[in-house]
Amino acid sequence: MSAPQPPAAPGLRIATIGGVPVHLGWSWFLLAAVITFVFGRQLSESTSAGYLIGVGYALVLLVAVLVHEGAHALAARSFGITVHRVVADFLGGHTAFESAGLSAGRSAVIAAAGPGANLALALGAWLAHLVVADGVAGLVLSGIIWINGLLAVFNLLPALPLDGGQLLEAGVWGATGRRSSGMVIAGWGGRILTVGLAYWVLVRPVLAGQSPSMFSVAWGLLLGSVIWRGASRSIAVGRVRGLMEGRSVRSVATPVILVPPHTPVSEIAWGSAAVLVLDPSLGLLWAGHPAPEVPAATPVSAVSSPVPATAVVTAGPEADLWSIVPALQSTGTVVLVDSGQVWGAVTTSGLNEALVRPSA
């Protein structure tokens, strides 16, 4: 799964490839233990090296996931998109990259790169298995074939947050010009997949007169909950994004007044415009409306606070509104700069008001 800018990844940093850190989440060790136990117990009936091969399968899965996510990262980097990290964890992995610079075509290529790399590994192992089919080497090659094949096929299911869901999103995005529609449709695909998964592990065995496997139920519930949450988030984000499509930053921006730091508060035209202070030593400051008891001669810098660097966004008046949302979510207020000049500001309240009034 690829993921634009998820939270910071916990776990062990095991490598850096092309400047991109590779993390092994602590939860992966639990997955490795499960795989070793399940496959080791099955294989121990036919070979004394059963649990050793189980460890090998866990390592094969790790390599498969890292190759999968590494392919996402390389595809993103080929388009000049910044990649933050690659992570392998209990539920597979993800690649964190910037969403800026994405298009429908680029999104499709990045999404397809992961399953494509796994299919290439499966094909290579299948060719090797034609030569070495027996013994431990044959069993390991069989594991490489099945693990990479299943990883590729599962990820190609048309449901977010899987790669197939991102391909579906990109297809709808390219056909309609609305990424929001693709996110909603592919998100519903994720919900349908979750229902299908629940049917497979719970209802199907009962209809066949069997008791559901507790292991399958636990695994299905865990995987299903992750897919359902990811799909629901995609639907919610898609709906909000749909309200913003076709709107420019200008439609929600508040004009600004730039004043020197020594300006008395009584000389400032406090009103609908945002007041910013340009202090040579402190940088850009956000001026708050002074309380009535503040003396009229008080310099505006005394009622101001620094504007965080993350709150300064380069975006022109006609820029797409969605482009400023990430910064606005983290800071609550952003200052807009175009060609090196401050021209406006946006607050979360201003954005919320824009979402409930018709676009111009």
Protein backbone atom coordinates (compact mmCIF):
# COMPACT_ATOMS: atom_id res chain seq x y z
CA MET A 1 0.00 0.00 0.00
CA SER A 2 1.22 3.49 -0.78
CA ALA A 3 0.28 6.32 1.52
CA PRO A 4 0.84 10.03 1.09
CA GLN A 5 2.41 11.34 4.29
CA PRO A 6 1.26 9.02 7.07
CA PRO A 7 2.32 9.66 10.68
CA ALA A 8 5.94 9.17 11.64
CA ALA A 9 6.89 5.51 11.42
CA PRO A 10 7.87 3.73 14.65
CA GLY A 11 10.28 0.85 14.56
CA LEU A 12 13.81 -0.03 13.58
CA ARG A 13 15.57 1.86 10.82
CA ILE A 14 17.33 -0.89 8.89
CA ALA A 15 18.62 0.87 5.78
CA THR A 16 18.68 4.02 3.68
CA ILE A 17 18.27 3.59 -0.05
CA GLY A 18 18.77 6.61 -2.26
CA GLY A 19 18.30 8.87 0.75
CA VAL A 20 14.99 7.18 1.67
CA PRO A 21 14.95 5.58 5.15
CA VAL A 22 13.66 2.02 5.38
CA HIS A 23 11.94 1.09 8.66
CA LEU A 24 11.05 -2.29 10.13
CA GLY A 25 8.05 -1.77 12.36
CA TRP A 26 8.10 -3.54 15.72
CA SER A 27 4.84 -5.26 14.82
CA TRP A 28 6.61 -7.07 11.98
CA PHE A 29 8.33 -9.35 14.50
CA LEU A 30 4.90 -10.55 15.64
CA LEU A 31 4.01 -11.30 12.02
CA ALA A 32 7.29 -13.18 11.61
CA ALA A 33 6.52 -15.28 14.68
CA VAL A 34 3.04 -16.13 13.37
CA ILE A 35 4.38 -17.14 9.95
CA THR A 36 7.17 -19.21 11.47
CA PHE A 37 4.75 -21.06 13.75
CA VAL A 38 2.03 -21.68 11.16
CA PHE A 39 4.25 -22.82 8.31
CA GLY A 40 6.81 -24.46 10.58
CA ARG A 41 4.14 -26.67 12.17
CA GLN A 42 2.78 -27.69 8.76
CA LEU A 43 6.17 -28.37 7.19
CA SER A 44 7.56 -30.20 10.24
CA GLU A 45 5.35 -33.15 9.30
CA SER A 46 7.37 -33.66 6.10
CA THR A 47 10.82 -32.29 6.97
CA SER A 48 12.95 -31.82 10.07
CA ALA A 49 13.76 -28.30 8.90
CA GLY A 50 10.10 -27.24 9.04
CA TYR A 51 10.49 -24.35 11.48
CA LEU A 52 13.71 -23.23 9.81
CA ILE A 53 11.84 -23.03 6.52
CA GLY A 54 9.08 -21.14 8.38
CA VAL A 55 11.69 -18.53 9.34
CA GLY A 56 12.74 -18.47 5.70
CA TYR A 57 9.15 -17.78 4.64
CA ALA A 58 8.95 -14.87 7.10
CA LEU A 59 12.13 -13.42 5.59
CA VAL A 60 10.79 -14.03 2.07
CA LEU A 61 7.67 -12.04 2.99
CA LEU A 62 9.82 -9.23 4.39
CA VAL A 63 11.85 -9.08 1.18
CA ALA A 64 8.65 -9.20 -0.89
CA VAL A 65 7.13 -6.30 1.06
CA LEU A 66 10.31 -4.22 0.88
CA VAL A 67 10.62 -4.84 -2.86
CA HIS A 68 6.93 -3.93 -3.25
CA GLU A 69 7.24 -0.69 -1.30
CA GLY A 70 10.64 0.06 -2.81
CA ALA A 71 9.05 -0.11 -6.26
CA HIS A 72 6.44 2.44 -5.14
CA ALA A 73 9.25 4.67 -3.88
CA LEU A 74 11.31 4.40 -7.07
CA ALA A 75 8.27 5.13 -9.22
CA ALA A 76 7.46 8.22 -7.14
CA ARG A 77 11.08 9.40 -7.24
CA SER A 78 11.12 9.00 -11.05
CA PHE A 79 8.45 11.73 -11.20
CA GLY A 80 10.41 14.00 -8.88
CA ILE A 81 8.06 13.35 -5.97
CA THR A 82 9.64 13.46 -2.51
CA VAL A 83 9.58 10.09 -0.71
CA HIS A 84 9.82 10.23 3.08
CA ARG A 85 10.20 6.57 4.09
CA VAL A 86 9.46 2.92 3.38
CA VAL A 87 7.97 0.82 6.20
CA ALA A 88 7.37 -2.93 6.66
CA ASP A 89 5.03 -3.87 9.49
CA PHE A 90 2.47 -6.41 10.71
CA LEU A 91 -0.06 -5.64 7.96
CA GLY A 92 2.43 -5.44 5.11
CA GLY A 93 3.87 -2.00 4.62
CA HIS A 94 3.50 1.46 3.20
CA THR A 95 5.48 4.12 1.39
CA ALA A 96 5.14 7.71 2.56
CA PHE A 97 5.48 10.36 -0.14
CA GLU A 98 4.34 13.90 -0.93
CA SER A 99 0.98 14.19 -2.66
CA ALA A 100 2.01 17.39 -4.46
CA GLY A 101 2.83 16.74 -8.09
CA LEU A 102 0.50 13.76 -8.46
CA SER A 103 -1.71 13.32 -11.50
CA ALA A 104 -4.03 10.48 -12.47
CA GLY A 105 -1.38 8.92 -14.68
CA ARG A 106 1.43 9.27 -12.15
CA SER A 107 -0.75 7.90 -9.36
CA ALA A 108 -1.56 4.86 -11.50
CA VAL A 109 2.10 4.18 -12.30
CA ILE A 110 3.13 4.49 -8.64
CA ALA A 111 0.31 2.19 -7.52
CA ALA A 112 1.04 -0.44 -10.19
CA ALA A 113 4.78 -0.50 -9.48
CA GLY A 114 4.45 -2.48 -6.22
CA PRO A 115 2.34 -5.42 -7.50
CA GLY A 116 4.38 -5.40 -10.71
CA ALA A 117 7.60 -5.90 -8.75
CA ASN A 118 6.06 -8.82 -6.83
CA LEU A 119 4.88 -10.46 -10.06
CA ALA A 120 8.41 -10.11 -11.44
CA LEU A 121 9.83 -11.83 -8.33
CA ALA A 122 7.24 -14.61 -8.59
CA LEU A 123 8.09 -15.15 -12.25
CA GLY A 124 11.81 -15.28 -11.52
CA ALA A 125 11.27 -17.81 -8.71
CA TRP A 126 9.01 -19.91 -10.97
CA LEU A 127 11.73 -20.08 -13.63
CA ALA A 128 14.27 -21.09 -10.97
CA HIS A 129 11.84 -23.69 -9.64
CA LEU A 130 11.80 -25.35 -13.06
CA VAL A 131 15.47 -26.14 -12.45
CA VAL A 132 15.45 -26.71 -8.67
CA ALA A 133 12.19 -28.35 -7.66
CA ASP A 134 13.18 -30.63 -4.77
CA GLY A 135 14.54 -30.27 -1.25
CA VAL A 136 14.67 -27.20 0.95
CA ALA A 137 15.60 -24.96 -1.99
CA GLY A 138 12.50 -26.10 -3.84
CA LEU A 139 10.29 -25.37 -0.83
CA VAL A 140 11.78 -21.89 -0.43
CA LEU A 141 11.30 -21.15 -4.13
CA SER A 142 7.68 -22.32 -3.82
CA GLY A 143 7.28 -19.89 -0.92
CA ILE A 144 8.71 -17.05 -2.99
CA ILE A 145 6.29 -17.83 -5.82
CA TRP A 146 3.20 -18.05 -3.63
CA ILE A 147 4.00 -15.14 -1.31
CA ASN A 148 4.81 -12.72 -4.11
CA GLY A 149 1.93 -13.95 -6.25
CA LEU A 150 -0.61 -13.60 -3.46
CA LEU A 151 0.79 -10.22 -2.40
CA ALA A 152 0.46 -8.93 -5.97
CA VAL A 153 -3.04 -10.34 -6.56
CA PHE A 154 -4.40 -9.16 -3.19
CA ASN A 155 -3.03 -5.66 -3.65
CA LEU A 156 -4.58 -5.43 -7.11
CA LEU A 157 -8.11 -5.80 -5.72
CA PRO A 158 -10.02 -2.61 -6.69
CA ALA A 159 -10.46 -1.33 -3.15
CA LEU A 160 -8.79 1.43 -1.18
CA PRO A 161 -6.44 1.49 0.63
CA LEU A 162 -4.96 -1.29 -1.57
CA ASP A 163 -2.97 -0.51 -4.71
CA GLY A 164 -5.84 -1.75 -6.86
CA GLY A 165 -8.05 0.83 -5.18
CA GLN A 166 -5.53 3.52 -6.07
CA LEU A 167 -5.58 2.28 -9.67
CA LEU A 168 -9.38 2.49 -9.64
CA GLU A 169 -9.19 5.97 -8.13
CA ALA A 170 -6.69 7.04 -10.81
CA GLY A 171 -8.90 5.60 -13.55
CA VAL A 172 -11.99 7.49 -12.38
CA TRP A 173 -9.87 10.60 -11.79
CA GLY A 174 -8.49 10.44 -15.34
CA ALA A 175 -11.91 9.78 -16.88
CA THR A 176 -13.84 12.45 -14.98
CA GLY A 177 -11.15 14.95 -14.01
CA ARG A 178 -12.34 14.63 -10.41
CA ARG A 179 -10.03 12.86 -8.01
CA SER A 180 -12.71 13.13 -5.34
CA SER A 181 -15.03 10.85 -7.33
CA GLY A 182 -12.27 8.27 -7.65
CA MET A 183 -11.59 8.36 -3.90
CA VAL A 184 -15.25 7.85 -3.03
CA ILE A 185 -15.79 5.02 -5.53
CA ALA A 186 -12.58 3.20 -4.59
CA GLY A 187 -13.36 3.75 -0.90
CA TRP A 188 -16.69 1.99 -1.35
CA GLY A 189 -14.74 -0.78 -3.03
CA GLY A 190 -12.78 -1.14 0.21
CA ARG A 191 -15.97 -1.41 2.24
CA ILE A 192 -17.33 -4.06 -0.12
CA LEU A 193 -14.05 -5.98 0.17
CA THR A 194 -14.35 -5.88 3.97
CA VAL A 195 -17.86 -7.32 3.81
CA GLY A 196 -16.64 -10.01 1.43
CA LEU A 197 -13.78 -10.85 3.78
CA ALA A 198 -16.21 -11.16 6.70
CA TYR A 199 -18.39 -13.49 4.62
CA TRP A 200 -15.38 -15.64 3.69
CA VAL A 201 -14.06 -16.17 7.22
CA LEU A 202 -17.37 -16.23 9.14
CA VAL A 203 -20.44 -16.97 7.02
CA ARG A 204 -19.00 -19.35 4.42
CA PRO A 205 -17.78 -21.97 6.94
CA VAL A 206 -21.12 -21.87 8.79
CA LEU A 207 -23.07 -22.40 5.57
CA ALA A 208 -20.83 -25.38 4.84
CA GLY A 209 -21.60 -26.85 8.26
CA GLN A 210 -18.15 -26.09 9.68
CA SER A 211 -16.88 -24.03 12.60
CA PRO A 212 -14.97 -20.90 11.56
CA SER A 213 -11.23 -21.10 12.21
CA MET A 214 -10.39 -18.81 15.14
CA PHE A 215 -7.06 -17.97 13.51
CA SER A 216 -8.78 -17.00 10.24
CA VAL A 217 -11.43 -15.00 12.10
CA ALA A 218 -8.83 -13.09 14.14
CA TRP A 219 -6.71 -12.39 11.08
CA GLY A 220 -9.76 -11.45 9.00
CA LEU A 221 -11.09 -9.08 11.65
CA LEU A 222 -7.71 -7.36 11.97
CA LEU A 223 -7.21 -7.01 8.22
CA GLY A 224 -10.84 -6.06 7.65
CA SER A 225 -10.75 -3.34 10.30
CA VAL A 226 -7.68 -1.78 8.69
CA ILE A 227 -9.23 -1.86 5.21
CA TRP A 228 -12.59 -0.52 6.49
CA ARG A 229 -10.92 2.39 8.31
CA GLY A 230 -8.76 3.24 5.31
CA ALA A 231 -11.72 3.02 2.93
CA SER A 232 -13.94 5.13 5.20
CA ARG A 233 -11.24 7.76 5.49
CA SER A 234 -10.90 7.84 1.69
CA ILE A 235 -14.67 8.34 1.30
CA ALA A 236 -14.70 11.14 3.87
CA VAL A 237 -11.68 12.89 2.34
CA GLY A 238 -13.11 12.42 -1.15
CA ARG A 239 -16.39 14.06 -0.17
CA VAL A 240 -14.61 17.04 1.39
CA ARG A 241 -12.28 17.28 -1.58
CA GLY A 242 -15.31 17.26 -3.88
CA LEU A 243 -16.59 20.39 -2.14
CA MET A 244 -13.27 22.11 -2.86
CA GLU A 245 -12.80 21.10 -6.49
CA GLY A 246 -13.13 24.07 -8.80
CA ARG A 247 -12.44 26.54 -6.01
CA SER A 248 -9.34 28.71 -5.90
CA VAL A 249 -7.39 29.86 -2.86
CA ARG A 250 -8.65 33.38 -3.60
CA SER A 251 -12.22 32.28 -2.77
CA VAL A 252 -11.36 31.72 0.90
CA ALA A 253 -8.41 34.06 1.43
CA THR A 254 -8.54 37.02 3.77
CA PRO A 255 -6.63 40.18 2.75
CA VAL A 256 -3.66 41.15 4.90
CA ILE A 257 -2.15 44.37 6.17
CA LEU A 258 1.63 44.43 6.69
CA VAL A 259 2.83 46.88 9.35
CA PRO A 260 6.18 47.68 11.02
CA PRO A 261 6.67 46.27 14.56
CA HIS A 262 6.74 49.68 16.25
CA THR A 263 3.33 50.76 14.87
CA PRO A 264 0.97 51.79 17.74
CA VAL A 265 -2.11 49.56 17.98
CA SER A 266 -4.32 52.67 17.77
CA GLU A 267 -3.08 53.44 14.24
CA ILE A 268 -4.02 50.05 12.79
CA ALA A 269 -7.30 49.62 10.92
CA TRP A 270 -8.52 46.52 12.72
CA GLY A 271 -11.25 44.88 10.72
CA SER A 272 -11.78 42.02 8.28
CA ALA A 273 -8.18 42.08 7.07
CA ALA A 274 -5.54 40.05 8.89
CA VAL A 275 -2.73 42.10 10.40
CA LEU A 276 0.83 40.81 9.97
CA VAL A 277 3.95 42.34 11.44
CA LEU A 278 7.22 42.19 9.54
CA ASP A 279 9.93 42.33 12.19
CA PRO A 280 13.54 42.46 10.88
CA SER A 281 14.82 40.39 13.82
CA LEU A 282 11.87 38.10 14.58
CA GLY A 283 10.48 37.60 11.08
CA LEU A 284 6.77 37.44 10.34
CA LEU A 285 4.39 37.94 13.28
CA TRP A 286 0.64 37.42 13.55
CA ALA A 287 -1.04 40.38 15.29
CA GLY A 288 -4.00 39.73 17.54
CA HIS A 289 -6.67 42.34 18.14
CA PRO A 290 -5.65 44.11 21.40
CA ALA A 291 -7.89 44.01 24.44
CA PRO A 292 -9.67 47.27 25.35
CA GLU A 293 -7.37 47.89 28.32
CA VAL A 294 -4.22 47.86 26.15
CA PRO A 295 -2.81 51.44 25.93
CA ALA A 296 -3.21 53.05 22.50
CA ALA A 297 0.53 53.70 22.20
CA THR A 298 1.43 50.02 22.65
CA PRO A 299 3.53 48.79 19.69
CA VAL A 300 1.75 46.11 17.67
CA SER A 301 4.67 43.73 18.17
CA ALA A 302 3.65 43.47 21.85
CA VAL A 303 0.34 41.86 20.87
CA SER A 304 1.82 39.63 18.17
CA SER A 305 3.09 36.05 17.99
CA PRO A 306 5.50 34.42 15.53
CA VAL A 307 4.10 32.79 12.42
CA PRO A 308 5.51 29.22 12.23
CA ALA A 309 7.48 28.41 9.10
CA THR A 310 5.05 25.57 8.40
CA ALA A 311 2.20 28.10 8.26
CA VAL A 312 3.75 30.04 5.37
CA VAL A 313 2.50 28.52 2.12
CA THR A 314 3.56 29.41 -1.40
CA ALA A 315 0.31 29.59 -3.37
CA GLY A 316 -1.04 32.14 -5.82
CA PRO A 317 -4.63 33.43 -5.80
CA GLU A 318 -5.68 30.97 -8.53
CA ALA A 319 -4.02 27.92 -6.94
CA ASP A 320 -6.21 24.93 -6.22
CA LEU A 321 -7.80 25.21 -2.78
CA TRP A 322 -6.89 21.65 -1.84
CA SER A 323 -3.16 22.48 -2.15
CA ILE A 324 -3.18 24.45 1.11
CA VAL A 325 -5.23 21.96 3.15
CA PRO A 326 -2.28 19.93 4.57
CA ALA A 327 -0.64 23.04 6.02
CA LEU A 328 -3.97 24.38 7.26
CA GLN A 329 -4.73 21.10 9.05
CA SER A 330 -1.48 21.27 10.99
CA THR A 331 -1.44 24.98 11.85
CA GLY A 332 -5.05 26.22 11.76
CA THR A 333 -4.02 29.39 9.90
CA VAL A 334 -1.78 29.86 6.89
CA VAL A 335 -0.11 32.92 5.38
CA LEU A 336 -0.10 32.94 1.58
CA VAL A 337 2.95 34.01 -0.39
CA ASP A 338 3.22 34.47 -4.17
CA SER A 339 6.39 35.59 -5.96
CA GLY A 340 7.95 36.38 -2.60
CA GLN A 341 5.11 38.68 -1.55
CA VAL A 342 2.55 38.08 1.22
CA TRP A 343 -0.89 38.55 -0.30
CA GLY A 344 -3.41 36.81 1.98
CA ALA A 345 -4.23 34.42 4.79
CA VAL A 346 -6.63 31.52 5.31
CA THR A 347 -8.12 30.26 8.55
CA THR A 348 -9.94 27.00 9.22
CA SER A 349 -13.12 28.98 9.96
CA GLY A 350 -12.82 30.74 6.60
CA LEU A 351 -12.38 27.41 4.87
CA ASN A 352 -15.36 25.88 6.66
CA GLU A 353 -17.53 28.83 5.61
CA ALA A 354 -16.41 28.36 2.01
CA LEU A 355 -17.49 24.73 2.04
CA VAL A 356 -21.10 25.61 2.81
CA ARG A 357 -21.54 28.42 0.30
CA PRO A 358 -21.79 27.95 -3.49
CA SER A 359 -18.60 28.28 -5.48
CA ALA A 360 -18.33 31.28 -7.76
